[in-house]
PDB file of N, CA and C in Angstrom:
ATOM      1  N   MET A   1     114.814 103.149 102.132  1.00  0.00           N
ATOM      2  CA  MET A   1     114.628 102.758 103.516  1.00  0.00           C
ATOM      3  C   MET A   1     114.499 101.245 103.597  1.00  0.00           C
ATOM      4  N   ALA A   2     114.601 100.750 104.787  1.00  0.00           N
ATOM      5  CA  ALA A   2     114.518  99.313 104.993  1.00  0.00           C
ATOM      6  C   ALA A   2     113.284  98.980 105.830  1.00  0.00           C
ATOM      7  N   LEU A   3     112.905  97.710 105.776  1.00  0.00           N
ATOM      8  CA  LEU A   3     111.733  97.225 106.493  1.00  0.00           C
ATOM      9  C   LEU A   3     112.053  95.822 106.997  1.00  0.00           C
ATOM     10  N   THR A   4     111.600  95.481 108.183  1.00  0.00           N
ATOM     11  CA  THR A   4     111.835  94.157 108.753  1.00  0.00           C
ATOM     12  C   THR A   4     110.526  93.378 108.801  1.00  0.00           C
ATOM     13  N   LEU A   5     110.547  92.154 108.267  1.00  0.00           N
ATOM     14  CA  LEU A   5     109.424  91.219 108.394  1.00  0.00           C
ATOM     15  C   LEU A   5     109.881  90.091 109.296  1.00  0.00           C
ATOM     16  N   LYS A   6     108.929  89.476 110.009  1.00  0.00           N
ATOM     17  CA  LYS A   6     109.312  88.426 110.943  1.00  0.00           C
ATOM     18  C   LYS A   6     108.363  87.237 110.894  1.00  0.00           C
ATOM     19  N   ASN A   7     108.848  86.139 111.442  1.00  0.00           N
ATOM     20  CA  ASN A   7     108.070  84.925 111.615  1.00  0.00           C
ATOM     21  C   ASN A   7     108.184  84.558 113.088  1.00  0.00           C
ATOM     22  N   ASP A   8     107.113  84.791 113.863  1.00  0.00           N
ATOM     23  CA  ASP A   8     107.129  84.519 115.295  1.00  0.00           C
ATOM     24  C   ASP A   8     107.227  83.032 115.610  1.00  0.00           C
ATOM     25  N   PHE A   9     106.763  82.176 114.721  1.00  0.00           N
ATOM     26  CA  PHE A   9     106.795  80.737 114.958  1.00  0.00           C
ATOM     27  C   PHE A   9     108.236  80.230 115.011  1.00  0.00           C
ATOM     28  N   HIS A  10     109.056  80.628 114.023  1.00  0.00           N
ATOM     29  CA  HIS A  10     110.454  80.179 113.967  1.00  0.00           C
ATOM     30  C   HIS A  10     111.405  81.149 114.673  1.00  0.00           C
ATOM     31  N   GLY A  11     110.937  82.339 115.018  1.00  0.00           N
ATOM     32  CA  GLY A  11     111.798  83.323 115.658  1.00  0.00           C
ATOM     33  C   GLY A  11     112.814  83.923 114.695  1.00  0.00           C
ATOM     34  N   THR A  12     112.418  84.096 113.431  1.00  0.00           N
ATOM     35  CA  THR A  12     113.331  84.617 112.417  1.00  0.00           C
ATOM     36  C   THR A  12     112.837  85.970 111.917  1.00  0.00           C
ATOM     37  N   SER A  13     113.757  86.734 111.314  1.00  0.00           N
ATOM     38  CA  SER A  13     113.383  88.018 110.719  1.00  0.00           C
ATOM     39  C   SER A  13     114.271  88.280 109.514  1.00  0.00           C
ATOM     40  N   VAL A  14     113.766  89.128 108.619  1.00  0.00           N
ATOM     41  CA  VAL A  14     114.499  89.489 107.408  1.00  0.00           C
ATOM     42  C   VAL A  14     114.316  90.981 107.181  1.00  0.00           C
ATOM     43  N   ARG A  15     115.374  91.641 106.760  1.00  0.00           N
ATOM     44  CA  ARG A  15     115.350  93.080 106.487  1.00  0.00           C
ATOM     45  C   ARG A  15     115.374  93.278 104.976  1.00  0.00           C
ATOM     46  N   LEU A  16     114.432  94.087 104.468  1.00  0.00           N
ATOM     47  CA  LEU A  16     114.304  94.339 103.022  1.00  0.00           C
ATOM     48  C   LEU A  16     114.439  95.825 102.740  1.00  0.00           C
ATOM     49  N   ASN A  17     114.987  96.149 101.590  1.00  0.00           N
ATOM     50  CA  ASN A  17     115.035  97.541 101.142  1.00  0.00           C
ATOM     51  C   ASN A  17     113.799  97.844 100.316  1.00  0.00           C
ATOM     52  N   ILE A  18     113.038  98.857 100.745  1.00  0.00           N
ATOM     53  CA  ILE A  18     111.878  99.313  99.984  1.00  0.00           C
ATOM     54  C   ILE A  18     111.907 100.836  99.970  1.00  0.00           C
ATOM     55  N   THR A  19     111.188 101.428  99.050  1.00  0.00           N
ATOM     56  CA  THR A  19     111.205 102.886  98.942  1.00  0.00           C
ATOM     57  C   THR A  19     109.918 103.533  99.443  1.00  0.00           C
ATOM     58  N   THR A  20     108.774 102.888  99.206  1.00  0.00           N
ATOM     59  CA  THR A  20     107.496 103.468  99.597  1.00  0.00           C
ATOM     60  C   THR A  20     106.530 102.379 100.055  1.00  0.00           C
ATOM     61  N   LEU A  21     105.508 102.792 100.737  1.00  0.00           N
ATOM     62  CA  LEU A  21     104.387 101.912 101.063  1.00  0.00           C
ATOM     63  C   LEU A  21     103.141 102.520 100.454  1.00  0.00           C
ATOM     64  N   PRO A  22     102.229 101.737  99.897  1.00  0.00           N
ATOM     65  CA  PRO A  22     102.255 100.280  99.816  1.00  0.00           C
ATOM     66  C   PRO A  22     103.330  99.794  98.848  1.00  0.00           C
ATOM     67  N   HIS A  23     103.751  98.543  99.067  1.00  0.00           N
ATOM     68  CA  HIS A  23     104.808  97.935  98.267  1.00  0.00           C
ATOM     69  C   HIS A  23     104.483  96.468  98.063  1.00  0.00           C
ATOM     70  N   THR A  24     104.618  95.995  96.826  1.00  0.00           N
ATOM     71  CA  THR A  24     104.489  94.567  96.534  1.00  0.00           C
ATOM     72  C   THR A  24     105.887  94.020  96.319  1.00  0.00           C
ATOM     73  N   LEU A  25     106.224  92.943  97.033  1.00  0.00           N
ATOM     74  CA  LEU A  25     107.567  92.391  96.947  1.00  0.00           C
ATOM     75  C   LEU A  25     107.860  91.851  95.558  1.00  0.00           C
ATOM     76  N   SER A  26     109.072  92.048  95.112  1.00  0.00           N
ATOM     77  CA  SER A  26     109.524  91.494  93.834  1.00  0.00           C
ATOM     78  C   SER A  26     109.698  89.983  93.994  1.00  0.00           C
ATOM     79  N   PRO A  27     109.799  89.237  92.885  1.00  0.00           N
ATOM     80  CA  PRO A  27     110.034  87.788  93.003  1.00  0.00           C
ATOM     81  C   PRO A  27     111.303  87.463  93.799  1.00  0.00           C
ATOM     82  N   GLY A  28     112.356  88.227  93.609  1.00  0.00           N
ATOM     83  CA  GLY A  28     113.592  87.995  94.352  1.00  0.00           C
ATOM     84  C   GLY A  28     113.426  88.254  95.842  1.00  0.00           C
ATOM     85  N   GLN A  29     112.697  89.308  96.187  1.00  0.00           N
ATOM     86  CA  GLN A  29     112.431  89.591  97.595  1.00  0.00           C
ATOM     87  C   GLN A  29     111.583  88.483  98.213  1.00  0.00           C
ATOM     88  N   CYS A  30     110.608  87.970  97.459  1.00  0.00           N
ATOM     89  CA  CYS A  30     109.761  86.878  97.969  1.00  0.00           C
ATOM     90  C   CYS A  30     110.576  85.630  98.236  1.00  0.00           C
ATOM     91  N   ARG A  31     111.483  85.280  97.314  1.00  0.00           N
ATOM     92  CA  ARG A  31     112.336  84.106  97.520  1.00  0.00           C
ATOM     93  C   ARG A  31     113.191  84.281  98.776  1.00  0.00           C
ATOM     94  N   ARG A  32     113.741  85.468  98.951  1.00  0.00           N
ATOM     95  CA  ARG A  32     114.576  85.728 100.128  1.00  0.00           C
ATOM     96  C   ARG A  32     113.753  85.649 101.410  1.00  0.00           C
ATOM     97  N   VAL A  33     112.547  86.238 101.405  1.00  0.00           N
ATOM     98  CA  VAL A  33     111.674  86.188 102.580  1.00  0.00           C
ATOM     99  C   VAL A  33     111.361  84.742 102.938  1.00  0.00           C
ATOM    100  N   ARG A  34     110.966  83.925 101.957  1.00  0.00           N
ATOM    101  CA  ARG A  34     110.643  82.520 102.225  1.00  0.00           C
ATOM    102  C   ARG A  34     111.850  81.763 102.753  1.00  0.00           C
ATOM    103  N   ARG A  35     113.008  81.968 102.129  1.00  0.00           N
ATOM    104  CA  ARG A  35     114.224  81.247 102.516  1.00  0.00           C
ATOM    105  C   ARG A  35     114.669  81.618 103.937  1.00  0.00           C
ATOM    106  N   VAL A  36     114.657  82.909 104.266  1.00  0.00           N
ATOM    107  CA  VAL A  36     115.151  83.361 105.563  1.00  0.00           C
ATOM    108  C   VAL A  36     114.142  83.112 106.682  1.00  0.00           C
ATOM    109  N   LEU A  37     112.862  83.377 106.438  1.00  0.00           N
ATOM    110  CA  LEU A  37     111.872  83.256 107.502  1.00  0.00           C
ATOM    111  C   LEU A  37     111.484  81.817 107.806  1.00  0.00           C
ATOM    112  N   CYS A  38     111.489  80.934 106.817  1.00  0.00           N
ATOM    113  CA  CYS A  38     111.110  79.551 107.080  1.00  0.00           C
ATOM    114  C   CYS A  38     112.100  78.586 106.434  1.00  0.00           C
ATOM    115  N   GLY A  39     112.127  78.519 105.121  1.00  0.00           N
ATOM    116  CA  GLY A  39     113.080  77.665 104.422  1.00  0.00           C
ATOM    117  C   GLY A  39     112.737  76.196 104.377  1.00  0.00           C
ATOM    118  N   GLN A  40     111.657  75.766 105.013  1.00  0.00           N
ATOM    119  CA  GLN A  40     111.263  74.365 105.023  1.00  0.00           C
ATOM    120  C   GLN A  40     110.130  74.149 104.024  1.00  0.00           C
ATOM    121  N   LEU A  41     110.327  73.233 103.106  1.00  0.00           N
ATOM    122  CA  LEU A  41     109.333  73.016 102.051  1.00  0.00           C
ATOM    123  C   LEU A  41     107.996  72.511 102.574  1.00  0.00           C
ATOM    124  N   ASP A  42     107.995  71.691 103.615  1.00  0.00           N
ATOM    125  CA  ASP A  42     106.754  71.085 104.090  1.00  0.00           C
ATOM    126  C   ASP A  42     106.141  71.809 105.299  1.00  0.00           C
ATOM    127  N   CYS A  43     106.658  72.966 105.650  1.00  0.00           N
ATOM    128  CA  CYS A  43     106.159  73.698 106.819  1.00  0.00           C
ATOM    129  C   CYS A  43     104.874  74.460 106.473  1.00  0.00           C
ATOM    130  N   THR A  44     103.979  74.565 107.422  1.00  0.00           N
ATOM    131  CA  THR A  44     102.719  75.283 107.217  1.00  0.00           C
ATOM    132  C   THR A  44     102.630  76.525 108.112  1.00  0.00           C
ATOM    133  N   CYS A  45     103.778  77.097 108.461  1.00  0.00           N
ATOM    134  CA  CYS A  45     103.799  78.236 109.383  1.00  0.00           C
ATOM    135  C   CYS A  45     103.207  79.506 108.776  1.00  0.00           C
ATOM    136  N   GLY A  46     103.192  79.631 107.446  1.00  0.00           N
ATOM    137  CA  GLY A  46     102.657  80.823 106.804  1.00  0.00           C
ATOM    138  C   GLY A  46     103.704  81.850 106.431  1.00  0.00           C
ATOM    139  N   VAL A  47     104.980  81.556 106.660  1.00  0.00           N
ATOM    140  CA  VAL A  47     106.151  82.371 106.333  1.00  0.00           C
ATOM    141  C   VAL A  47     106.154  83.702 107.093  1.00  0.00           C
ATOM    142  N   VAL A  48     105.341  84.678 106.694  1.00  0.00           N
ATOM    143  CA  VAL A  48     105.260  85.938 107.435  1.00  0.00           C
ATOM    144  C   VAL A  48     104.180  85.739 108.489  1.00  0.00           C
ATOM    145  N   ARG A  49     104.604  85.684 109.759  1.00  0.00           N
ATOM    146  CA  ARG A  49     103.672  85.287 110.816  1.00  0.00           C
ATOM    147  C   ARG A  49     103.854  86.190 112.033  1.00  0.00           C
ATOM    148  N   GLY A  50     102.756  86.607 112.600  1.00  0.00           N
ATOM    149  CA  GLY A  50     102.788  87.449 113.788  1.00  0.00           C
ATOM    150  C   GLY A  50     102.524  88.905 113.427  1.00  0.00           C
ATOM    151  N   ARG A  51     102.398  89.727 114.445  1.00  0.00           N
ATOM    152  CA  ARG A  51     102.159  91.159 114.237  1.00  0.00           C
ATOM    153  C   ARG A  51     103.409  91.778 113.636  1.00  0.00           C
ATOM    154  N   GLN A  52     103.247  92.479 112.533  1.00  0.00           N
ATOM    155  CA  GLN A  52     104.374  93.079 111.829  1.00  0.00           C
ATOM    156  C   GLN A  52     104.477  94.550 112.187  1.00  0.00           C
ATOM    157  N   TYR A  53     105.546  94.886 112.907  1.00  0.00           N
ATOM    158  CA  TYR A  53     105.778  96.268 113.305  1.00  0.00           C
ATOM    159  C   TYR A  53     107.224  96.609 112.987  1.00  0.00           C
ATOM    160  N   ASP A  54     107.434  97.696 112.282  1.00  0.00           N
ATOM    161  CA  ASP A  54     108.775  98.135 111.945  1.00  0.00           C
ATOM    162  C   ASP A  54     109.016  99.508 112.560  1.00  0.00           C
ATOM    163  N   ILE A  55     110.178  99.712 113.135  1.00  0.00           N
ATOM    164  CA  ILE A  55     110.483 100.961 113.826  1.00  0.00           C
ATOM    165  C   ILE A  55     110.393 102.172 112.899  1.00  0.00           C
ATOM    166  N   GLU A  56     110.728 102.004 111.622  1.00  0.00           N
ATOM    167  CA  GLU A  56     110.679 103.115 110.671  1.00  0.00           C
ATOM    168  C   GLU A  56     109.288 103.329 110.087  1.00  0.00           C
ATOM    169  N   TRP A  57     108.528 102.246 109.895  1.00  0.00           N
ATOM    170  CA  TRP A  57     107.236 102.321 109.206  1.00  0.00           C
ATOM    171  C   TRP A  57     106.047 102.217 110.146  1.00  0.00           C
ATOM    172  N   GLY A  58     106.210 101.688 111.338  1.00  0.00           N
ATOM    173  CA  GLY A  58     105.090 101.493 112.251  1.00  0.00           C
ATOM    174  C   GLY A  58     104.410 100.154 112.024  1.00  0.00           C
ATOM    175  N   LEU A  59     103.145 100.061 112.407  1.00  0.00           N
ATOM    176  CA  LEU A  59     102.368  98.838 112.254  1.00  0.00           C
ATOM    177  C   LEU A  59     102.075  98.600 110.773  1.00  0.00           C
ATOM    178  N   LEU A  60     102.263  97.361 110.329  1.00  0.00           N
ATOM    179  CA  LEU A  60     102.123  97.015 108.911  1.00  0.00           C
ATOM    180  C   LEU A  60     101.070  95.944 108.709  1.00  0.00           C
ATOM    181  N   ILE A  61     100.433  95.973 107.547  1.00  0.00           N
ATOM    182  CA  ILE A  61      99.550  94.901 107.112  1.00  0.00           C
ATOM    183  C   ILE A  61     100.268  94.197 105.964  1.00  0.00           C
ATOM    184  N   VAL A  62     100.480  92.884 106.119  1.00  0.00           N
ATOM    185  CA  VAL A  62     101.159  92.092 105.098  1.00  0.00           C
ATOM    186  C   VAL A  62     100.155  91.077 104.579  1.00  0.00           C
ATOM    187  N   THR A  63      99.834  91.172 103.280  1.00  0.00           N
ATOM    188  CA  THR A  63      98.822  90.330 102.665  1.00  0.00           C
ATOM    189  C   THR A  63      99.442  89.461 101.576  1.00  0.00           C
ATOM    190  N   PRO A  64      99.317  88.122 101.676  1.00  0.00           N
ATOM    191  CA  PRO A  64      99.798  87.281 100.577  1.00  0.00           C
ATOM    192  C   PRO A  64      98.888  87.436  99.363  1.00  0.00           C
ATOM    193  N   GLU A  65      99.495  87.496  98.190  1.00  0.00           N
ATOM    194  CA  GLU A  65      98.730  87.609  96.948  1.00  0.00           C
ATOM    195  C   GLU A  65      99.219  86.560  95.966  1.00  0.00           C
ATOM    196  N   PRO A  66      98.305  85.848  95.292  1.00  0.00           N
ATOM    197  CA  PRO A  66      98.733  84.865  94.303  1.00  0.00           C
ATOM    198  C   PRO A  66      99.408  85.551  93.120  1.00  0.00           C
ATOM    199  N   ASN A  67     100.449  84.917  92.621  1.00  0.00           N
ATOM    200  CA  ASN A  67     101.208  85.451  91.501  1.00  0.00           C
ATOM    201  C   ASN A  67     101.633  84.275  90.627  1.00  0.00           C
ATOM    202  N   PRO A  68     100.771  83.826  89.697  1.00  0.00           N
ATOM    203  CA  PRO A  68     101.107  82.634  88.899  1.00  0.00           C
ATOM    204  C   PRO A  68     102.304  82.877  87.986  1.00  0.00           C
ATOM    205  N   ASP A  69     103.146  81.840  87.847  1.00  0.00           N
ATOM    206  CA  ASP A  69     104.297  81.949  86.948  1.00  0.00           C
ATOM    207  C   ASP A  69     103.875  81.616  85.518  1.00  0.00           C
ATOM    208  N   GLU A  70     104.848  81.565  84.606  1.00  0.00           N
ATOM    209  CA  GLU A  70     104.529  81.334  83.188  1.00  0.00           C
ATOM    210  C   GLU A  70     103.964  79.944  82.919  1.00  0.00           C
ATOM    211  N   PHE A  71     104.086  79.015  83.883  1.00  0.00           N
ATOM    212  CA  PHE A  71     103.543  77.672  83.727  1.00  0.00           C
ATOM    213  C   PHE A  71     102.204  77.507  84.429  1.00  0.00           C
ATOM    214  N   GLY A  72     101.686  78.593  85.006  1.00  0.00           N
ATOM    215  CA  GLY A  72     100.404  78.551  85.679  1.00  0.00           C
ATOM    216  C   GLY A  72     100.474  78.123  87.127  1.00  0.00           C
ATOM    217  N   LYS A  73     101.689  77.826  87.629  1.00  0.00           N
ATOM    218  CA  LYS A  73     101.841  77.435  89.033  1.00  0.00           C
ATOM    219  C   LYS A  73     101.735  78.681  89.903  1.00  0.00           C
ATOM    220  N   ALA A  74     100.903  78.599  90.934  1.00  0.00           N
ATOM    221  CA  ALA A  74     100.670  79.761  91.797  1.00  0.00           C
ATOM    222  C   ALA A  74     101.814  79.923  92.792  1.00  0.00           C
ATOM    223  N   HIS A  75     102.420  81.053  92.769  1.00  0.00           N
ATOM    224  CA  HIS A  75     103.395  81.463  93.780  1.00  0.00           C
ATOM    225  C   HIS A  75     102.777  82.649  94.490  1.00  0.00           C
ATOM    226  N   HIS A  76     103.209  82.878  95.699  1.00  0.00           N
ATOM    227  CA  HIS A  76     102.659  84.012  96.427  1.00  0.00           C
ATOM    228  C   HIS A  76     103.682  85.124  96.530  1.00  0.00           C
ATOM    229  N   THR A  77     103.184  86.324  96.396  1.00  0.00           N
ATOM    230  CA  THR A  77     103.975  87.493  96.704  1.00  0.00           C
ATOM    231  C   THR A  77     103.286  88.159  97.893  1.00  0.00           C
ATOM    232  N   TYR A  78     103.865  89.176  98.418  1.00  0.00           N
ATOM    233  CA  TYR A  78     103.287  89.852  99.569  1.00  0.00           C
ATOM    234  C   TYR A  78     103.119  91.331  99.277  1.00  0.00           C
ATOM    235  N   ARG A  79     101.968  91.853  99.648  1.00  0.00           N
ATOM    236  CA  ARG A  79     101.710  93.289  99.568  1.00  0.00           C
ATOM    237  C   ARG A  79     101.818  93.831 100.981  1.00  0.00           C
ATOM    238  N   ILE A  80     102.612  94.882 101.143  1.00  0.00           N
ATOM    239  CA  ILE A  80     102.850  95.469 102.453  1.00  0.00           C
ATOM    240  C   ILE A  80     102.318  96.890 102.435  1.00  0.00           C
ATOM    241  N   GLU A  81     101.520  97.227 103.429  1.00  0.00           N
ATOM    242  CA  GLU A  81     100.990  98.586 103.523  1.00  0.00           C
ATOM    243  C   GLU A  81     100.936  99.019 104.977  1.00  0.00           C
ATOM    244  N   GLU A  82     100.883 100.332 105.162  1.00  0.00           N
ATOM    245  CA  GLU A  82     100.788 100.890 106.503  1.00  0.00           C
ATOM    246  C   GLU A  82      99.408 100.603 107.077  1.00  0.00           C
ATOM    247  N   SER A  83      99.352 100.571 108.392  1.00  0.00           N
ATOM    248  CA  SER A  83      98.098 100.352 109.095  1.00  0.00           C
ATOM    249  C   SER A  83      97.804 101.560 109.960  1.00  0.00           C
ATOM    250  N   ASP A  84      96.523 101.827 110.169  1.00  0.00           N
ATOM    251  CA  ASP A  84      96.204 102.860 111.154  1.00  0.00           C
ATOM    252  C   ASP A  84      96.272 102.214 112.540  1.00  0.00           C
ATOM    253  N   ARG A  85      95.954 102.925 113.565  1.00  0.00           N
ATOM    254  CA  ARG A  85      96.156 102.444 114.937  1.00  0.00           C
ATOM    255  C   ARG A  85      95.307 101.229 115.309  1.00  0.00           C
ATOM    256  N   ASP A  86      94.142 101.052 114.669  1.00  0.00           N
ATOM    257  CA  ASP A  86      93.301  99.914 115.044  1.00  0.00           C
ATOM    258  C   ASP A  86      93.620  98.665 114.226  1.00  0.00           C
ATOM    259  N   GLY A  87      94.657  98.723 113.384  1.00  0.00           N
ATOM    260  CA  GLY A  87      95.085  97.542 112.642  1.00  0.00           C
ATOM    261  C   GLY A  87      94.475  97.409 111.268  1.00  0.00           C
ATOM    262  N   SER A  88      93.674  98.369 110.828  1.00  0.00           N
ATOM    263  CA  SER A  88      93.109  98.292 109.491  1.00  0.00           C
ATOM    264  C   SER A  88      93.982  99.059 108.515  1.00  0.00           C
ATOM    265  N   SER A  89      93.731  98.864 107.251  1.00  0.00           N
ATOM    266  CA  SER A  89      94.542  99.483 106.203  1.00  0.00           C
ATOM    267  C   SER A  89      94.336 100.979 106.146  1.00  0.00           C
ATOM    268  N   MET A  90      95.396 101.690 105.758  1.00  0.00           N
ATOM    269  CA  MET A  90      95.310 103.137 105.579  1.00  0.00           C
ATOM    270  C   MET A  90      94.726 103.483 104.215  1.00  0.00           C
ATOM    271  N   ARG A  91      94.593 102.473 103.350  1.00  0.00           N
ATOM    272  CA  ARG A  91      94.069 102.719 102.007  1.00  0.00           C
ATOM    273  C   ARG A  91      92.642 103.212 102.081  1.00  0.00           C
ATOM    274  N   GLY A  92      92.325 104.234 101.267  1.00  0.00           N
ATOM    275  CA  GLY A  92      90.983 104.820 101.278  1.00  0.00           C
ATOM    276  C   GLY A  92      90.042 103.990 100.566  1.00  0.00           C
TER     277      GLY A  92
END
């Protein structure tokens, strides 16, 4: 199945293929999300910005997570999970 993430600040969106939720984006998916949603090195928009709702998955919680590379430089990945109706995580 696919999932759409958006950036309300720039008015951009990206569609990703995922199989289940919760899902942590792969490094390649993270690069694509950053490039498509913002693409500006000096921007502070936050890349994934605004309420995330997908027609197939419903309301989503998208959490940035640090993911250091082999040189110790921190890169961020995103964890995506379903939300219940009040906006909190479905995780028990």
